[in-house]
Amino acid sequence: MSTETKPKDEISGLPEGIELDPKAIQVLLISQHKSPVGDDDPILMEVTLFNKFLLQYNKLLEFHNAKLTDYFSLESDKYLSIVKKSADDVKKGMSEESIKKISSILNIHKNCIIFLSIIITLAAIINVAVFVFRAIQ
């Protein structure tokens, strides 16, 4: 849908190419029905009424277009703020979960490192004891 507006006719106020032209209607009636219509014929009053209707209808469309544009702009701003908040919450939650997971893994390894240090210390004490015991014999 194009947002460009066509230039408006200065007399009718309708966008160019929308209004009915009484002269064109006279030519159309002559060519289609072989019936000439004078400038004061009542059928041409209907053309004027239709043009007025088209003008009012066009104003109504412009009014509704402006209201719908405002409404959807407001709703899209609300939607984007909700999505941003949700994304921030997920990011924060994932960061906290990641930190907890890494911390728990490090705690598991910390316990293993302490356990391995005790084993190495005991092995060193046993080795020293064995060397001392062999040296005494």
C-alpha atoms as a PDB file:
ATOM      1  CA  MET A   1       0.000   0.000   0.000  1.00  0.00           C
ATOM      2  CA  SER A   2       1.442   3.336  -1.062  1.00  0.00           C
ATOM      3  CA  THR A   3       1.567   6.188   1.408  1.00  0.00           C
ATOM      4  CA  GLU A   4       1.771   8.760  -1.373  1.00  0.00           C
ATOM      5  CA  THR A   5      -1.356  10.802  -1.936  1.00  0.00           C
ATOM      6  CA  LYS A   6      -2.441  11.880  -5.361  1.00  0.00           C
ATOM      7  CA  PRO A   7      -2.773  15.624  -5.978  1.00  0.00           C
ATOM      8  CA  LYS A   8      -6.288  16.860  -5.189  1.00  0.00           C
ATOM      9  CA  ASP A   9      -8.597  18.627  -7.585  1.00  0.00           C
ATOM     10  CA  GLU A  10      -9.000  22.244  -6.403  1.00  0.00           C
ATOM     11  CA  ILE A  11     -12.740  22.381  -7.136  1.00  0.00           C
ATOM     12  CA  SER A  12     -13.982  19.028  -5.789  1.00  0.00           C
ATOM     13  CA  GLY A  13     -11.274  18.298  -3.215  1.00  0.00           C
ATOM     14  CA  LEU A  14     -11.050  14.695  -4.427  1.00  0.00           C
ATOM     15  CA  PRO A  15      -7.769  13.021  -5.405  1.00  0.00           C
ATOM     16  CA  GLU A  16      -7.031  13.391  -9.077  1.00  0.00           C
ATOM     17  CA  GLY A  17      -8.805  10.780 -11.202  1.00  0.00           C
ATOM     18  CA  ILE A  18     -11.455   9.935  -8.583  1.00  0.00           C
ATOM     19  CA  GLU A  19     -14.285  12.340  -9.337  1.00  0.00           C
ATOM     20  CA  LEU A  20     -16.892  12.003 -12.054  1.00  0.00           C
ATOM     21  CA  ASP A  21     -16.738  14.702 -14.728  1.00  0.00           C
ATOM     22  CA  PRO A  22     -20.152  15.915 -15.958  1.00  0.00           C
ATOM     23  CA  LYS A  23     -18.750  16.573 -19.451  1.00  0.00           C
ATOM     24  CA  ALA A  24     -17.323  13.032 -19.559  1.00  0.00           C
ATOM     25  CA  ILE A  25     -20.731  11.670 -18.470  1.00  0.00           C
ATOM     26  CA  GLN A  26     -22.428  13.575 -21.303  1.00  0.00           C
ATOM     27  CA  VAL A  27     -19.962  12.113 -23.807  1.00  0.00           C
ATOM     28  CA  LEU A  28     -20.404   8.616 -22.314  1.00  0.00           C
ATOM     29  CA  LEU A  29     -24.208   8.789 -22.558  1.00  0.00           C
ATOM     30  CA  ILE A  30     -23.983   9.965 -26.161  1.00  0.00           C
ATOM     31  CA  SER A  31     -21.516   7.235 -27.141  1.00  0.00           C
ATOM     32  CA  GLN A  32     -23.210   4.391 -25.218  1.00  0.00           C
ATOM     33  CA  HIS A  33     -26.899   5.262 -25.577  1.00  0.00           C
ATOM     34  CA  LYS A  34     -26.948   7.738 -28.480  1.00  0.00           C
ATOM     35  CA  SER A  35     -28.814  10.114 -26.175  1.00  0.00           C
ATOM     36  CA  PRO A  36     -27.607  13.710 -25.882  1.00  0.00           C
ATOM     37  CA  VAL A  37     -27.859  15.218 -22.394  1.00  0.00           C
ATOM     38  CA  GLY A  38     -28.087  18.979 -21.831  1.00  0.00           C
ATOM     39  CA  ASP A  39     -26.119  20.905 -19.205  1.00  0.00           C
ATOM     40  CA  ASP A  40     -29.282  21.360 -17.128  1.00  0.00           C
ATOM     41  CA  ASP A  41     -30.396  17.705 -17.267  1.00  0.00           C
ATOM     42  CA  PRO A  42     -31.276  16.243 -13.827  1.00  0.00           C
ATOM     43  CA  ILE A  43     -29.048  13.210 -14.457  1.00  0.00           C
ATOM     44  CA  LEU A  44     -26.032  15.509 -14.157  1.00  0.00           C
ATOM     45  CA  MET A  45     -27.217  16.547 -10.669  1.00  0.00           C
ATOM     46  CA  GLU A  46     -26.624  12.949  -9.680  1.00  0.00           C
ATOM     47  CA  VAL A  47     -23.033  13.312 -10.875  1.00  0.00           C
ATOM     48  CA  THR A  48     -22.642  16.282  -8.517  1.00  0.00           C
ATOM     49  CA  LEU A  49     -24.195  14.298  -5.659  1.00  0.00           C
ATOM     50  CA  PHE A  50     -21.938  11.313  -6.369  1.00  0.00           C
ATOM     51  CA  ASN A  51     -18.881  13.592  -6.351  1.00  0.00           C
ATOM     52  CA  LYS A  52     -19.953  15.011  -2.974  1.00  0.00           C
ATOM     53  CA  PHE A  53     -20.435  11.467  -1.686  1.00  0.00           C
ATOM     54  CA  LEU A  54     -16.972  10.490  -2.956  1.00  0.00           C
ATOM     55  CA  LEU A  55     -15.466  13.542  -1.226  1.00  0.00           C
ATOM     56  CA  GLN A  56     -17.068  12.631   2.109  1.00  0.00           C
ATOM     57  CA  TYR A  57     -16.131   8.973   1.670  1.00  0.00           C
ATOM     58  CA  ASN A  58     -12.513   9.941   0.950  1.00  0.00           C
ATOM     59  CA  LYS A  59     -12.437  12.119   4.097  1.00  0.00           C
ATOM     60  CA  LEU A  60     -13.820   9.188   6.107  1.00  0.00           C
ATOM     61  CA  LEU A  61     -11.156   6.858   4.686  1.00  0.00           C
ATOM     62  CA  GLU A  62      -8.414   9.360   5.560  1.00  0.00           C
ATOM     63  CA  PHE A  63      -9.818   9.691   9.106  1.00  0.00           C
ATOM     64  CA  HIS A  64      -9.908   5.920   9.613  1.00  0.00           C
ATOM     65  CA  ASN A  65      -6.461   5.522   8.084  1.00  0.00           C
ATOM     66  CA  ALA A  66      -5.036   8.077  10.540  1.00  0.00           C
ATOM     67  CA  LYS A  67      -6.770   6.418  13.523  1.00  0.00           C
ATOM     68  CA  LEU A  68      -5.650   2.921  12.495  1.00  0.00           C
ATOM     69  CA  THR A  69      -2.091   4.143  11.936  1.00  0.00           C
ATOM     70  CA  ASP A  70      -2.041   5.683  15.423  1.00  0.00           C
ATOM     71  CA  TYR A  71      -3.557   2.558  16.979  1.00  0.00           C
ATOM     72  CA  PHE A  72      -1.157   0.134  15.319  1.00  0.00           C
ATOM     73  CA  SER A  73       1.798   2.384  16.099  1.00  0.00           C
ATOM     74  CA  LEU A  74       0.829   2.412  19.780  1.00  0.00           C
ATOM     75  CA  GLU A  75       0.180  -1.342  19.839  1.00  0.00           C
ATOM     76  CA  SER A  76       3.448  -2.143  18.084  1.00  0.00           C
ATOM     77  CA  ASP A  77       5.332   0.005  20.620  1.00  0.00           C
ATOM     78  CA  LYS A  78       3.636  -1.917  23.456  1.00  0.00           C
ATOM     79  CA  TYR A  79       4.431  -5.235  21.769  1.00  0.00           C
ATOM     80  CA  LEU A  80       8.082  -4.303  21.239  1.00  0.00           C
ATOM     81  CA  SER A  81       8.475  -3.240  24.878  1.00  0.00           C
ATOM     82  CA  ILE A  82       6.990  -6.563  26.047  1.00  0.00           C
ATOM     83  CA  VAL A  83       9.307  -8.524  23.734  1.00  0.00           C
ATOM     84  CA  LYS A  84      12.330  -6.518  24.917  1.00  0.00           C
ATOM     85  CA  LYS A  85      11.432  -7.124  28.576  1.00  0.00           C
ATOM     86  CA  SER A  86      10.951 -10.841  27.915  1.00  0.00           C
ATOM     87  CA  ALA A  87      14.266 -11.066  26.075  1.00  0.00           C
ATOM     88  CA  ASP A  88      16.026  -9.254  28.934  1.00  0.00           C
ATOM     89  CA  ASP A  89      14.419 -11.600  31.476  1.00  0.00           C
ATOM     90  CA  VAL A  90      15.504 -14.649  29.489  1.00  0.00           C
ATOM     91  CA  LYS A  91      19.024 -13.277  29.106  1.00  0.00           C
ATOM     92  CA  LYS A  92      19.252 -12.496  32.828  1.00  0.00           C
ATOM     93  CA  GLY A  93      17.808 -15.902  33.758  1.00  0.00           C
ATOM     94  CA  MET A  94      20.191 -17.693  31.416  1.00  0.00           C
ATOM     95  CA  SER A  95      23.154 -15.762  32.802  1.00  0.00           C
ATOM     96  CA  GLU A  96      22.222 -16.635  36.383  1.00  0.00           C
ATOM     97  CA  GLU A  97      21.701 -20.283  35.415  1.00  0.00           C
ATOM     98  CA  SER A  98      25.033 -20.378  33.591  1.00  0.00           C
ATOM     99  CA  ILE A  99      26.849 -18.917  36.596  1.00  0.00           C
ATOM    100  CA  LYS A 100      25.196 -21.421  38.939  1.00  0.00           C
ATOM    101  CA  LYS A 101      26.053 -24.317  36.608  1.00  0.00           C
ATOM    102  CA  ILE A 102      29.688 -23.268  36.252  1.00  0.00           C
ATOM    103  CA  SER A 103      29.940 -22.718  39.994  1.00  0.00           C
ATOM    104  CA  SER A 104      28.560 -26.185  40.738  1.00  0.00           C
ATOM    105  CA  ILE A 105      30.972 -27.761  38.233  1.00  0.00           C
ATOM    106  CA  LEU A 106      33.879 -25.912  39.861  1.00  0.00           C
ATOM    107  CA  ASN A 107      32.708 -27.085  43.303  1.00  0.00           C
ATOM    108  CA  ILE A 108      32.691 -30.676  42.052  1.00  0.00           C
ATOM    109  CA  HIS A 109      36.224 -30.248  40.658  1.00  0.00           C
ATOM    110  CA  LYS A 110      37.343 -28.430  43.803  1.00  0.00           C
ATOM    111  CA  ASN A 111      36.344 -31.442  45.877  1.00  0.00           C
ATOM    112  CA  CYS A 112      38.179 -33.737  43.449  1.00  0.00           C
ATOM    113  CA  ILE A 113      41.321 -31.570  43.554  1.00  0.00           C
ATOM    114  CA  ILE A 114      41.341 -31.624  47.369  1.00  0.00           C
ATOM    115  CA  PHE A 115      40.854 -35.401  47.311  1.00  0.00           C
ATOM    116  CA  LEU A 116      43.676 -35.842  44.769  1.00  0.00           C
ATOM    117  CA  SER A 117      45.945 -33.563  46.858  1.00  0.00           C
ATOM    118  CA  ILE A 118      45.351 -35.779  49.899  1.00  0.00           C
ATOM    119  CA  ILE A 119      46.173 -38.889  47.845  1.00  0.00           C
ATOM    120  CA  ILE A 120      49.386 -37.301  46.517  1.00  0.00           C
ATOM    121  CA  THR A 121      50.390 -36.210  50.037  1.00  0.00           C
ATOM    122  CA  LEU A 122      49.768 -39.726  51.403  1.00  0.00           C
ATOM    123  CA  ALA A 123      51.721 -41.244  48.492  1.00  0.00           C
ATOM    124  CA  ALA A 124      54.650 -38.904  49.198  1.00  0.00           C
ATOM    125  CA  ILE A 125      54.612 -39.815  52.904  1.00  0.00           C
ATOM    126  CA  ILE A 126      54.527 -43.528  52.047  1.00  0.00           C
ATOM    127  CA  ASN A 127      57.434 -43.092  49.588  1.00  0.00           C
ATOM    128  CA  VAL A 128      59.516 -41.278  52.188  1.00  0.00           C
ATOM    129  CA  ALA A 129      58.664 -43.926  54.777  1.00  0.00           C
ATOM    130  CA  VAL A 130      59.678 -46.699  52.389  1.00  0.00           C
ATOM    131  CA  PHE A 131      63.036 -45.007  51.605  1.00  0.00           C
ATOM    132  CA  VAL A 132      63.685 -44.417  55.305  1.00  0.00           C
ATOM    133  CA  PHE A 133      62.735 -47.999  56.169  1.00  0.00           C
ATOM    134  CA  ARG A 134      65.031 -49.405  53.411  1.00  0.00           C
ATOM    135  CA  ALA A 135      67.857 -47.138  54.512  1.00  0.00           C
ATOM    136  CA  ILE A 136      67.608 -48.430  58.095  1.00  0.00           C
ATOM    137  CA  GLN A 137      67.714 -52.074  57.047  1.00  0.00           C
END
